[in-house]
Amino acid sequence: MTLPDLSRPELLRYARHLALPDVGMEGQRRLKAARVLCVGAGGLGSPVALYLAAAGVGTLGLVDFDVVDATNLQRQILHGTKDVGRPKLDSAADRLADVNPHVEVVRHDAHLDSTNALDILRPYDVVVDGTDNFPTRYLVNDACVMLGKPNVFGSVFRWEGQASVFATPGGPCYRCLFREPPPPGLVPNCAEGGVLGVLPGIIGSLQALETLKLILGVGDTLAGRLVIFDALEMSWREVALRRNPECPVCGDHPTQAGLIDYEVFCGVKPAPGAEPAAENGVPEIDAAEVARRLDGSAPPFLLDVREPWEWAVGSLESRGARLIPLGELERRTEEVPRDRPVVVYCRVGERSRTAARTLLDAGWSEVYNLSGGIQAWARDVDPDVPVA
């Protein structure tokens, strides 16, 4: 491959790289020739994109379909207060152009799924996983394995972060570490469980570092290793990983030939043909129908099972909702009436499904889960309700 030349302004910009024996002129030209895709322009994607752009990676792809929300700003440093309400890709592109105008930013305004992942990932040399949900992690992993692209993985939760490099030749993939996803709702996401704002900066910087090493071909990467960072203890642990020869994706005899429906695989939605309320046997109800019933002659009891801080940000208290956090529900069930229908809600509908199942098992006869949670209510009924 013929490497691109560096312009005089680039030579000046990258002078500290050029002085590094393991980078130098040829290494910087390799960076300029490289194409890296960052899946997600949020907490992890922010430091990844900023440092890769600053380092001179020639083509930087970003996949995101979300808009900037005020709750993002505590950790998603690509975006600022003036960007609230803007598409993240627009905000990110403006910021990265300011960081380094010599970098081409390619925007992929799409929800990454099994229908488009291979086409989006194919043109890139390295893929950085900056996602925060299991369906997309498995999707990115499987697509990287099938395309032969390194997958630079990172995850954060509360005070702990993890990083590794998957899908390198002969190395393990994400499925070798986690063959099956956890049950839906068992592992809270950052919105529900929280995350220290600086933590994605630490883990995302590691991901950027591993990406640069892969491009330059220097040092020992995290392929075959998982590092775990505990910010409270300020400790690092390392777990050795090996490729699983029985892995359904990267094993000696793969049993999965193509991409699948990862939301079904992770239990986020029912399989085609299954009843919408099949999971846990809990009836679902949408926000518009709840609003209609609340205005009727026999309104249901609204039960909010989020945490007190989420309730403080925004709630349906004006519509009669009562807060009983999920962790307290089993000892406070006497506060839930039995003589009227009960509609349970949380942020997106996962914790509330568990709570509704608890009430049904305890003898309540008519309990519904608000599909999509208070986010759906804010989207479909009352956009003035703030949601953290």
Protein backbone atom coordinates (compact mmCIF):
# COMPACT_ATOMS: atom_id res chain seq x y z
CA MET A 1 0.00 0.00 0.00
CA THR A 2 1.31 3.42 -0.98
CA LEU A 3 1.20 5.70 2.04
CA PRO A 4 0.03 9.31 1.66
CA ASP A 5 2.48 12.15 2.05
CA LEU A 6 2.23 14.66 4.89
CA SER A 7 1.74 18.32 4.13
CA ARG A 8 3.92 20.97 5.76
CA PRO A 9 1.12 21.95 8.21
CA GLU A 10 0.72 18.26 9.12
CA LEU A 11 4.46 17.89 9.70
CA LEU A 12 4.26 20.76 12.16
CA ARG A 13 1.08 19.48 13.84
CA TYR A 14 2.44 15.97 14.39
CA ALA A 15 5.99 16.99 15.35
CA ARG A 16 5.86 15.19 18.71
CA HIS A 17 4.76 11.99 16.96
CA LEU A 18 7.51 12.33 14.37
CA ALA A 19 10.05 12.50 17.20
CA LEU A 20 8.86 9.14 18.59
CA PRO A 21 11.05 6.28 17.31
CA ASP A 22 8.02 3.93 17.14
CA VAL A 23 5.99 6.40 15.08
CA GLY A 24 8.19 8.67 13.01
CA MET A 25 7.39 9.71 9.45
CA GLU A 26 6.24 6.29 8.26
CA GLY A 27 4.03 5.71 11.29
CA GLN A 28 2.35 9.08 10.90
CA ARG A 29 1.71 8.32 7.25
CA ARG A 30 0.15 5.02 8.35
CA LEU A 31 -2.15 6.94 10.66
CA LYS A 32 -3.13 9.25 7.83
CA ALA A 33 -3.95 6.26 5.61
CA ALA A 34 -5.98 4.51 8.30
CA ARG A 35 -9.76 4.27 8.39
CA VAL A 36 -11.32 3.80 11.84
CA LEU A 37 -15.02 3.42 12.67
CA CYS A 38 -16.29 4.48 16.08
CA VAL A 39 -19.67 2.95 16.90
CA GLY A 40 -21.29 5.50 19.19
CA ALA A 41 -20.52 9.19 19.75
CA GLY A 42 -21.28 9.17 23.48
CA GLY A 43 -19.30 8.60 26.65
CA LEU A 44 -16.70 6.23 25.22
CA GLY A 45 -16.89 7.53 21.68
CA SER A 46 -16.04 11.07 22.80
CA PRO A 47 -12.44 10.50 23.99
CA VAL A 48 -11.89 7.89 21.28
CA ALA A 49 -12.88 10.26 18.48
CA LEU A 50 -11.08 13.26 19.97
CA TYR A 51 -7.77 11.46 20.45
CA LEU A 52 -7.86 9.63 17.13
CA ALA A 53 -8.61 12.86 15.31
CA ALA A 54 -5.85 14.68 17.19
CA ALA A 55 -3.43 11.83 16.38
CA GLY A 56 -4.08 12.23 12.67
CA VAL A 57 -6.13 9.16 11.77
CA GLY A 58 -7.03 10.09 8.20
CA THR A 59 -10.61 8.84 8.03
CA LEU A 60 -12.79 8.66 11.11
CA GLY A 61 -16.27 7.15 10.77
CA LEU A 62 -18.94 7.78 13.38
CA VAL A 63 -22.14 5.76 13.81
CA ASP A 64 -24.91 7.37 15.85
CA PHE A 65 -28.55 8.29 15.43
CA ASP A 66 -29.23 10.11 18.71
CA VAL A 67 -29.45 13.78 19.63
CA VAL A 68 -27.53 15.54 22.38
CA ASP A 69 -29.39 15.56 25.69
CA ALA A 70 -28.53 17.59 28.78
CA THR A 71 -27.90 14.37 30.71
CA ASN A 72 -25.12 13.49 28.22
CA LEU A 73 -22.94 16.46 29.08
CA GLN A 74 -21.60 15.03 32.35
CA ARG A 75 -19.43 12.57 30.39
CA GLN A 76 -19.85 13.02 26.60
CA ILE A 77 -17.18 15.65 26.05
CA LEU A 78 -17.62 15.79 22.28
CA HIS A 79 -20.71 17.89 22.92
CA GLY A 80 -21.46 21.12 24.77
CA THR A 81 -24.40 22.99 26.20
CA LYS A 82 -25.00 24.78 22.90
CA ASP A 83 -25.41 21.38 21.21
CA VAL A 84 -28.38 20.17 23.27
CA GLY A 85 -31.06 19.06 20.83
CA ARG A 86 -28.65 18.73 17.89
CA PRO A 87 -27.85 15.39 16.25
CA LYS A 88 -24.73 14.00 17.89
CA LEU A 89 -23.12 13.46 14.50
CA ASP A 90 -23.43 17.17 13.68
CA SER A 91 -22.05 18.22 17.03
CA ALA A 92 -19.21 15.68 16.83
CA ALA A 93 -18.26 16.64 13.28
CA ASP A 94 -18.00 20.32 14.21
CA ARG A 95 -15.87 19.57 17.26
CA LEU A 96 -13.56 17.17 15.41
CA ALA A 97 -13.08 19.62 12.54
CA ASP A 98 -11.86 22.12 15.11
CA VAL A 99 -9.54 19.55 16.69
CA ASN A 100 -7.99 18.58 13.36
CA PRO A 101 -9.18 19.86 9.98
CA HIS A 102 -6.93 17.34 8.21
CA VAL A 103 -9.16 14.42 9.29
CA GLU A 104 -12.11 13.32 7.16
CA VAL A 105 -15.15 12.61 9.34
CA VAL A 106 -17.67 10.22 7.77
CA ARG A 107 -21.12 10.32 9.34
CA HIS A 108 -23.30 7.22 9.50
CA ASP A 109 -26.67 8.47 10.73
CA ALA A 110 -28.15 5.04 11.33
CA HIS A 111 -29.28 2.58 13.95
CA LEU A 112 -26.71 -0.16 13.50
CA ASP A 113 -28.44 -3.52 12.99
CA SER A 114 -28.00 -6.80 11.17
CA THR A 115 -29.27 -5.31 7.90
CA ASN A 116 -26.61 -2.59 7.60
CA ALA A 117 -23.70 -3.51 9.90
CA LEU A 118 -21.59 -5.39 7.36
CA ASP A 119 -21.89 -2.64 4.77
CA ILE A 120 -21.06 0.11 7.29
CA LEU A 121 -18.09 -1.71 8.87
CA ARG A 122 -16.58 -3.11 5.67
CA PRO A 123 -14.60 -0.04 4.48
CA TYR A 124 -12.77 0.42 7.80
CA ASP A 125 -9.51 -1.04 9.12
CA VAL A 126 -10.38 -0.98 12.83
CA VAL A 127 -13.75 -0.81 14.62
CA VAL A 128 -14.06 0.76 18.08
CA ASP A 129 -17.07 -0.35 20.11
CA GLY A 130 -18.33 2.62 22.13
CA THR A 131 -21.84 1.24 22.69
CA ASP A 132 -23.72 0.80 25.96
CA ASN A 133 -26.09 -2.08 25.23
CA PHE A 134 -25.71 -5.81 24.74
CA PRO A 135 -27.49 -6.24 21.37
CA THR A 136 -25.13 -3.80 19.65
CA ARG A 137 -22.05 -5.26 21.37
CA TYR A 138 -22.86 -8.72 20.07
CA LEU A 139 -23.69 -7.29 16.65
CA VAL A 140 -20.40 -5.37 16.40
CA ASN A 141 -18.46 -8.42 17.57
CA ASP A 142 -20.03 -10.82 15.10
CA ALA A 143 -19.69 -8.38 12.20
CA CYS A 144 -16.02 -7.79 13.04
CA VAL A 145 -15.32 -11.52 13.16
CA MET A 146 -17.05 -12.10 9.82
CA LEU A 147 -15.22 -9.19 8.17
CA GLY A 148 -11.85 -9.85 9.80
CA LYS A 149 -11.74 -6.43 11.51
CA PRO A 150 -10.20 -5.85 14.96
CA ASN A 151 -12.84 -4.88 17.53
CA VAL A 152 -11.52 -2.49 20.19
CA PHE A 153 -13.93 -3.04 23.07
CA GLY A 154 -14.72 -0.89 26.09
CA SER A 155 -17.49 -0.74 28.68
CA VAL A 156 -18.21 1.34 31.78
CA PHE A 157 -20.61 1.07 34.69
CA ARG A 158 -20.70 3.15 37.85
CA TRP A 159 -17.03 3.08 39.02
CA GLU A 160 -15.73 0.19 36.91
CA GLY A 161 -14.51 -0.08 33.35
CA GLN A 162 -13.27 -2.83 31.05
CA ALA A 163 -11.27 -2.87 27.83
CA SER A 164 -9.94 -5.47 25.41
CA VAL A 165 -9.25 -6.10 21.72
CA PHE A 166 -11.32 -8.81 20.07
CA ALA A 167 -11.47 -10.49 16.68
CA THR A 168 -7.76 -10.37 15.84
CA PRO A 169 -6.26 -13.32 13.92
CA GLY A 170 -6.18 -16.31 16.27
CA GLY A 171 -7.47 -14.24 19.18
CA PRO A 172 -10.73 -14.45 21.13
CA CYS A 173 -13.89 -12.56 20.34
CA TYR A 174 -16.49 -11.04 22.66
CA ARG A 175 -18.52 -14.27 22.43
CA CYS A 176 -15.58 -16.25 23.77
CA LEU A 177 -15.84 -14.18 26.94
CA PHE A 178 -19.63 -13.85 27.10
CA ARG A 179 -21.20 -16.60 25.01
CA GLU A 180 -24.73 -15.73 26.16
CA PRO A 181 -26.11 -12.30 27.11
CA PRO A 182 -27.44 -11.71 30.64
CA PRO A 183 -31.22 -11.83 31.15
CA PRO A 184 -32.93 -8.55 30.19
CA GLY A 185 -32.95 -6.06 33.05
CA LEU A 186 -30.37 -7.93 35.14
CA VAL A 187 -27.56 -5.50 34.30
CA PRO A 188 -28.69 -1.86 34.47
CA ASN A 189 -27.40 0.48 31.81
CA CYS A 190 -25.63 3.74 32.63
CA ALA A 191 -28.88 5.68 32.59
CA GLU A 192 -30.31 3.44 35.30
CA GLY A 193 -27.21 2.54 37.31
CA GLY A 194 -25.16 5.68 36.77
CA VAL A 195 -21.54 6.18 35.77
CA LEU A 196 -18.85 8.52 37.05
CA GLY A 197 -18.35 11.07 34.29
CA VAL A 198 -14.56 10.76 34.12
CA LEU A 199 -14.62 6.95 33.80
CA PRO A 200 -15.51 6.83 30.08
CA GLY A 201 -12.62 9.24 29.54
CA ILE A 202 -10.21 6.73 31.07
CA ILE A 203 -11.54 3.66 29.26
CA GLY A 204 -12.11 5.53 25.99
CA SER A 205 -8.53 6.77 26.09
CA LEU A 206 -7.40 3.15 26.45
CA GLN A 207 -9.46 2.25 23.40
CA ALA A 208 -7.88 5.09 21.43
CA LEU A 209 -4.43 3.92 22.52
CA GLU A 210 -5.10 0.33 21.46
CA THR A 211 -6.41 1.55 18.10
CA LEU A 212 -3.26 3.56 17.44
CA LYS A 213 -1.06 0.58 18.35
CA LEU A 214 -3.01 -1.65 15.96
CA ILE A 215 -2.56 0.86 13.13
CA LEU A 216 1.13 1.40 13.85
CA GLY A 217 1.84 -2.28 14.46
CA VAL A 218 3.78 -1.57 17.65
CA GLY A 219 3.68 -2.83 21.21
CA ASP A 220 1.50 -5.50 22.79
CA THR A 221 -2.21 -4.93 22.38
CA LEU A 222 -4.99 -6.15 24.66
CA ALA A 223 -5.82 -9.01 22.30
CA GLY A 224 -6.17 -12.06 24.56
CA ARG A 225 -6.42 -9.87 27.67
CA LEU A 226 -9.24 -8.10 29.47
CA VAL A 227 -8.28 -5.23 31.76
CA ILE A 228 -10.67 -4.26 34.54
CA PHE A 229 -10.35 -0.87 36.20
CA ASP A 230 -11.84 -0.09 39.61
CA ALA A 231 -11.84 3.68 40.06
CA LEU A 232 -12.83 3.57 43.73
CA GLU A 233 -9.90 1.34 44.66
CA MET A 234 -7.68 2.79 41.92
CA SER A 235 -6.76 -0.74 40.92
CA TRP A 236 -6.25 -2.61 37.67
CA ARG A 237 -6.77 -6.31 37.14
CA GLU A 238 -5.98 -8.34 34.06
CA VAL A 239 -7.72 -11.52 32.93
CA ALA A 240 -6.16 -13.75 30.29
CA LEU A 241 -8.53 -14.72 27.47
CA ARG A 242 -8.28 -17.48 24.90
CA ARG A 243 -10.25 -18.16 21.78
CA ASN A 244 -12.94 -20.73 22.43
CA PRO A 245 -12.71 -23.43 19.75
CA GLU A 246 -16.43 -24.07 20.33
CA CYS A 247 -17.39 -20.41 19.85
CA PRO A 248 -20.39 -20.25 17.50
CA VAL A 249 -18.85 -17.30 15.62
CA CYS A 250 -15.04 -17.54 15.71
CA GLY A 251 -14.59 -21.21 16.69
CA ASP A 252 -13.08 -24.03 14.67
CA HIS A 253 -16.49 -24.94 13.29
CA PRO A 254 -18.72 -21.84 13.46
CA THR A 255 -22.43 -22.56 13.67
CA GLN A 256 -23.57 -18.99 12.94
CA ALA A 257 -22.96 -18.09 9.32
CA GLY A 258 -24.48 -14.60 9.28
CA LEU A 259 -25.79 -11.80 11.43
CA ILE A 260 -28.96 -12.43 13.44
CA ASP A 261 -31.62 -10.35 15.18
CA TYR A 262 -29.62 -9.28 18.24
CA GLU A 263 -32.55 -7.75 20.11
CA VAL A 264 -34.25 -11.15 20.00
CA PHE A 265 -30.95 -12.86 20.92
CA CYS A 266 -30.59 -10.61 23.97
CA GLY A 267 -34.26 -10.93 24.95
CA VAL A 268 -35.00 -7.25 24.38
CA LYS A 269 -37.91 -8.10 22.10
CA PRO A 270 -39.86 -11.31 21.43
CA ALA A 271 -39.06 -13.55 18.52
CA PRO A 272 -41.20 -13.13 15.37
CA GLY A 273 -44.59 -14.73 15.86
CA ALA A 274 -44.41 -14.57 19.66
CA GLU A 275 -47.03 -12.66 21.60
CA PRO A 276 -45.83 -9.13 22.52
CA ALA A 277 -46.41 -9.85 26.21
CA ALA A 278 -44.87 -13.33 26.14
CA GLU A 279 -41.82 -12.34 28.15
CA ASN A 280 -42.52 -12.98 31.84
CA GLY A 281 -46.22 -13.25 30.97
CA VAL A 282 -46.72 -9.55 31.75
CA PRO A 283 -49.33 -7.63 29.71
CA GLU A 284 -47.98 -4.53 27.96
CA ILE A 285 -49.82 -1.24 27.52
CA ASP A 286 -48.69 1.78 25.50
CA ALA A 287 -48.51 5.37 26.73
CA ALA A 288 -51.43 6.65 24.67
CA GLU A 289 -53.74 3.98 26.07
CA VAL A 290 -52.62 4.73 29.64
CA ALA A 291 -53.39 8.42 29.09
CA ARG A 292 -56.83 7.52 27.75
CA ARG A 293 -57.60 5.34 30.77
CA LEU A 294 -56.33 7.94 33.22
CA ASP A 295 -58.90 10.36 31.79
CA GLY A 296 -61.66 7.77 32.10
CA SER A 297 -64.09 7.00 34.90
CA ALA A 298 -61.94 4.21 36.41
CA PRO A 299 -58.33 5.37 36.18
CA PRO A 300 -55.56 2.85 36.91
CA PHE A 301 -53.04 3.17 39.72
CA LEU A 302 -49.68 4.42 38.37
CA LEU A 303 -46.66 2.82 40.06
CA ASP A 304 -43.21 4.30 39.41
CA VAL A 305 -40.42 1.82 40.28
CA ARG A 306 -37.47 4.04 39.38
CA GLU A 307 -34.99 5.49 41.87
CA PRO A 308 -35.77 8.66 43.89
CA TRP A 309 -33.28 10.75 41.91
CA GLU A 310 -35.02 9.79 38.65
CA TRP A 311 -38.39 10.73 40.16
CA ALA A 312 -36.93 14.08 41.22
CA VAL A 313 -35.87 14.85 37.65
CA GLY A 314 -39.31 14.12 36.23
CA SER A 315 -42.33 12.00 37.13
CA LEU A 316 -46.04 11.45 36.52
CA GLU A 317 -46.95 12.59 40.02
CA SER A 318 -49.45 15.07 38.57
CA ARG A 319 -51.29 12.10 37.06
CA GLY A 320 -51.43 10.31 40.42
CA ALA A 321 -48.26 8.21 40.18
CA ARG A 322 -46.66 6.85 43.35
CA LEU A 323 -42.95 6.07 43.76
CA ILE A 324 -41.88 2.69 45.14
CA PRO A 325 -38.37 1.81 43.91
CA LEU A 326 -38.03 -1.71 42.55
CA GLY A 327 -35.68 -2.74 45.35
CA GLU A 328 -38.29 -1.80 47.95
CA LEU A 329 -41.38 -3.21 46.26
CA GLU A 330 -41.53 -6.64 47.90
CA ARG A 331 -41.72 -5.11 51.40
CA ARG A 332 -44.10 -2.31 50.37
CA THR A 333 -46.68 -4.18 48.32
CA GLU A 334 -49.41 -3.20 50.80
CA GLU A 335 -49.17 0.33 49.37
CA VAL A 336 -50.38 -0.93 45.98
CA PRO A 337 -54.19 -1.20 45.73
CA ARG A 338 -55.79 -4.47 44.66
CA ASP A 339 -59.19 -3.05 43.73
CA ARG A 340 -58.12 -1.21 40.56
CA PRO A 341 -55.83 -1.87 37.58
CA VAL A 342 -52.13 -1.16 38.17
CA VAL A 343 -49.82 0.27 35.51
CA VAL A 344 -46.13 -0.01 36.37
CA TYR A 345 -43.49 2.14 34.70
CA CYS A 346 -39.77 2.87 34.84
CA ARG A 347 -37.47 4.64 32.41
CA VAL A 348 -37.75 2.30 29.42
CA GLY A 349 -39.91 -0.60 30.60
CA GLU A 350 -37.46 -3.25 31.79
CA ARG A 351 -37.42 -2.75 35.57
CA SER A 352 -41.17 -2.19 35.52
CA ARG A 353 -41.69 -5.52 33.77
CA THR A 354 -39.90 -7.22 36.68
CA ALA A 355 -42.03 -5.27 39.17
CA ALA A 356 -45.24 -6.16 37.37
CA ARG A 357 -44.27 -9.83 37.47
CA THR A 358 -43.69 -9.51 41.22
CA LEU A 359 -47.20 -8.13 41.74
CA LEU A 360 -48.84 -10.76 39.53
CA ASP A 361 -47.04 -13.53 41.42
CA ALA A 362 -48.23 -12.00 44.70
CA GLY A 363 -51.87 -12.19 43.65
CA TRP A 364 -52.69 -8.89 41.90
CA SER A 365 -55.13 -9.68 39.13
CA GLU A 366 -54.75 -6.78 36.67
CA VAL A 367 -51.24 -5.41 36.24
CA TYR A 368 -49.75 -3.83 33.11
CA ASN A 369 -46.24 -2.79 32.12
CA LEU A 370 -45.97 0.63 30.43
CA SER A 371 -44.19 -0.26 27.20
CA GLY A 372 -41.23 2.04 26.66
CA GLY A 373 -41.54 3.52 30.15
CA ILE A 374 -41.64 7.21 30.93
CA GLN A 375 -39.53 7.82 27.82
CA ALA A 376 -42.49 6.65 25.72
CA TRP A 377 -44.82 8.87 27.76
CA ALA A 378 -42.60 11.91 27.10
CA ARG A 379 -42.41 11.03 23.41
CA ASP A 380 -46.05 10.15 22.76
CA VAL A 381 -48.12 11.96 25.40
CA ASP A 382 -46.37 14.83 27.20
CA PRO A 383 -43.02 16.08 25.84
CA ASP A 384 -42.75 18.50 28.78
CA VAL A 385 -41.98 15.62 31.18
CA PRO A 386 -38.17 15.60 31.68
CA VAL A 387 -36.51 12.18 31.63
CA ALA A 388 -33.04 11.49 33.00
